[in-house]
């Protein structure tokens, strides 16, 4: 399904794979928001993160920055947090 270790345990990982053609590495991704819920119904905390993810090509623009494409907002939720 993906070419990165760990992506196989992410529910709905295929949604990001369909945008990028592979599991993104999140290198230089920007965290836009974080929500920590210390007391979910399960009794264990959860963390939700909204991340701006994009592809970086090898081409450089006139300002010297790598050209970007596939700008996407990904919301990731971590449910199995052992302790804070």
C-alpha atoms as a PDB file:
ATOM      1  CA  UNK A   1       0.000   0.000   0.000  1.00  0.00           C
ATOM      2  CA  UNK A   2       2.731   2.489   0.908  1.00  0.00           C
ATOM      3  CA  UNK A   3       6.486   2.756   0.723  1.00  0.00           C
ATOM      4  CA  UNK A   4       7.185   4.070   4.244  1.00  0.00           C
ATOM      5  CA  UNK A   5       7.405   2.068   7.446  1.00  0.00           C
ATOM      6  CA  UNK A   6       4.574   2.945   9.810  1.00  0.00           C
ATOM      7  CA  UNK A   7       2.025   4.078   7.215  1.00  0.00           C
ATOM      8  CA  UNK A   8       0.431   0.628   7.247  1.00  0.00           C
ATOM      9  CA  UNK A   9      -0.846   1.280  10.785  1.00  0.00           C
ATOM     10  CA  UNK A  10      -2.480   4.608   9.866  1.00  0.00           C
ATOM     11  CA  UNK A  11      -6.208   4.359   9.300  1.00  0.00           C
ATOM     12  CA  UNK A  12      -7.178   5.868   5.926  1.00  0.00           C
ATOM     13  CA  UNK A  13      -3.516   6.292   4.922  1.00  0.00           C
ATOM     14  CA  UNK A  14      -4.588   5.673   1.324  1.00  0.00           C
ATOM     15  CA  UNK A  15      -6.220   9.111   1.279  1.00  0.00           C
ATOM     16  CA  UNK A  16      -2.807  10.797   1.531  1.00  0.00           C
ATOM     17  CA  UNK A  17      -1.205   8.219  -0.750  1.00  0.00           C
ATOM     18  CA  UNK A  18      -3.776   9.103  -3.432  1.00  0.00           C
ATOM     19  CA  UNK A  19      -2.712  12.776  -3.279  1.00  0.00           C
ATOM     20  CA  UNK A  20       1.057  12.236  -3.301  1.00  0.00           C
ATOM     21  CA  UNK A  21       1.428   8.834  -4.978  1.00  0.00           C
ATOM     22  CA  UNK A  22       3.198   7.560  -1.839  1.00  0.00           C
ATOM     23  CA  UNK A  23       3.134   8.091   1.922  1.00  0.00           C
ATOM     24  CA  UNK A  24       4.535  11.598   2.574  1.00  0.00           C
ATOM     25  CA  UNK A  25       7.519  11.962   4.888  1.00  0.00           C
ATOM     26  CA  UNK A  26       6.158  15.199   6.451  1.00  0.00           C
ATOM     27  CA  UNK A  27       9.610  16.801   6.066  1.00  0.00           C
ATOM     28  CA  UNK A  28       9.207  20.577   6.454  1.00  0.00           C
ATOM     29  CA  UNK A  29       5.465  20.177   7.053  1.00  0.00           C
ATOM     30  CA  UNK A  30       3.891  22.911   9.141  1.00  0.00           C
ATOM     31  CA  UNK A  31       1.788  22.088  12.194  1.00  0.00           C
ATOM     32  CA  UNK A  32      -1.175  24.469  12.089  1.00  0.00           C
ATOM     33  CA  UNK A  33      -3.138  23.277  15.120  1.00  0.00           C
ATOM     34  CA  UNK A  34      -2.906  20.773  17.964  1.00  0.00           C
ATOM     35  CA  UNK A  35      -5.706  19.566  20.211  1.00  0.00           C
ATOM     36  CA  UNK A  36      -4.974  17.473  23.274  1.00  0.00           C
ATOM     37  CA  UNK A  37      -7.838  15.686  25.011  1.00  0.00           C
ATOM     38  CA  UNK A  38      -6.537  14.268  28.272  1.00  0.00           C
ATOM     39  CA  UNK A  39      -9.720  12.352  29.132  1.00  0.00           C
ATOM     40  CA  UNK A  40     -11.354  10.724  26.142  1.00  0.00           C
ATOM     41  CA  UNK A  41     -14.256   8.366  26.727  1.00  0.00           C
ATOM     42  CA  UNK A  42     -11.801   5.491  26.605  1.00  0.00           C
ATOM     43  CA  UNK A  43      -9.982   6.968  29.594  1.00  0.00           C
ATOM     44  CA  UNK A  44      -6.818   7.469  27.543  1.00  0.00           C
ATOM     45  CA  UNK A  45      -5.680  10.775  26.089  1.00  0.00           C
ATOM     46  CA  UNK A  46      -5.775  11.575  22.383  1.00  0.00           C
ATOM     47  CA  UNK A  47      -3.965  14.141  20.268  1.00  0.00           C
ATOM     48  CA  UNK A  48      -5.175  15.670  16.998  1.00  0.00           C
ATOM     49  CA  UNK A  49      -2.803  17.583  14.740  1.00  0.00           C
ATOM     50  CA  UNK A  50      -3.630  19.580  11.596  1.00  0.00           C
ATOM     51  CA  UNK A  51      -0.611  19.609   9.294  1.00  0.00           C
ATOM     52  CA  UNK A  52       0.042  21.428   6.021  1.00  0.00           C
ATOM     53  CA  UNK A  53       1.745  18.865   3.783  1.00  0.00           C
ATOM     54  CA  UNK A  54       3.103  19.378   0.255  1.00  0.00           C
ATOM     55  CA  UNK A  55       5.419  17.771  -2.272  1.00  0.00           C
ATOM     56  CA  UNK A  56       8.884  19.204  -2.836  1.00  0.00           C
ATOM     57  CA  UNK A  57      10.404  18.716  -6.257  1.00  0.00           C
ATOM     58  CA  UNK A  58      14.037  19.119  -7.243  1.00  0.00           C
ATOM     59  CA  UNK A  59      13.386  22.332  -9.178  1.00  0.00           C
ATOM     60  CA  UNK A  60      14.182  25.668  -7.517  1.00  0.00           C
ATOM     61  CA  UNK A  61      12.209  28.876  -8.108  1.00  0.00           C
ATOM     62  CA  UNK A  62      13.653  32.358  -8.732  1.00  0.00           C
ATOM     63  CA  UNK A  63      13.924  32.988  -4.951  1.00  0.00           C
ATOM     64  CA  UNK A  64      15.954  29.811  -4.380  1.00  0.00           C
ATOM     65  CA  UNK A  65      13.122  27.809  -2.789  1.00  0.00           C
ATOM     66  CA  UNK A  66      12.166  24.311  -3.876  1.00  0.00           C
ATOM     67  CA  UNK A  67       8.991  24.299  -5.936  1.00  0.00           C
ATOM     68  CA  UNK A  68       6.034  22.830  -4.089  1.00  0.00           C
ATOM     69  CA  UNK A  69       2.867  21.103  -5.243  1.00  0.00           C
ATOM     70  CA  UNK A  70      -0.023  19.039  -3.858  1.00  0.00           C
ATOM     71  CA  UNK A  71      -0.681  21.402  -0.943  1.00  0.00           C
ATOM     72  CA  UNK A  72      -2.898  19.449   1.449  1.00  0.00           C
ATOM     73  CA  UNK A  73      -4.244  19.840   4.965  1.00  0.00           C
ATOM     74  CA  UNK A  74      -3.976  16.524   6.836  1.00  0.00           C
ATOM     75  CA  UNK A  75      -5.632  15.950  10.193  1.00  0.00           C
ATOM     76  CA  UNK A  76      -3.955  13.207  12.191  1.00  0.00           C
ATOM     77  CA  UNK A  77      -5.323  11.740  15.416  1.00  0.00           C
ATOM     78  CA  UNK A  78      -3.210   9.706  17.810  1.00  0.00           C
ATOM     79  CA  UNK A  79      -5.331   7.508  20.079  1.00  0.00           C
ATOM     80  CA  UNK A  80      -2.947   5.082  21.733  1.00  0.00           C
ATOM     81  CA  UNK A  81      -0.990   7.486  23.900  1.00  0.00           C
ATOM     82  CA  UNK A  82       0.447   5.593  26.856  1.00  0.00           C
ATOM     83  CA  UNK A  83       1.194   8.582  29.049  1.00  0.00           C
ATOM     84  CA  UNK A  84       1.729  12.327  28.830  1.00  0.00           C
END
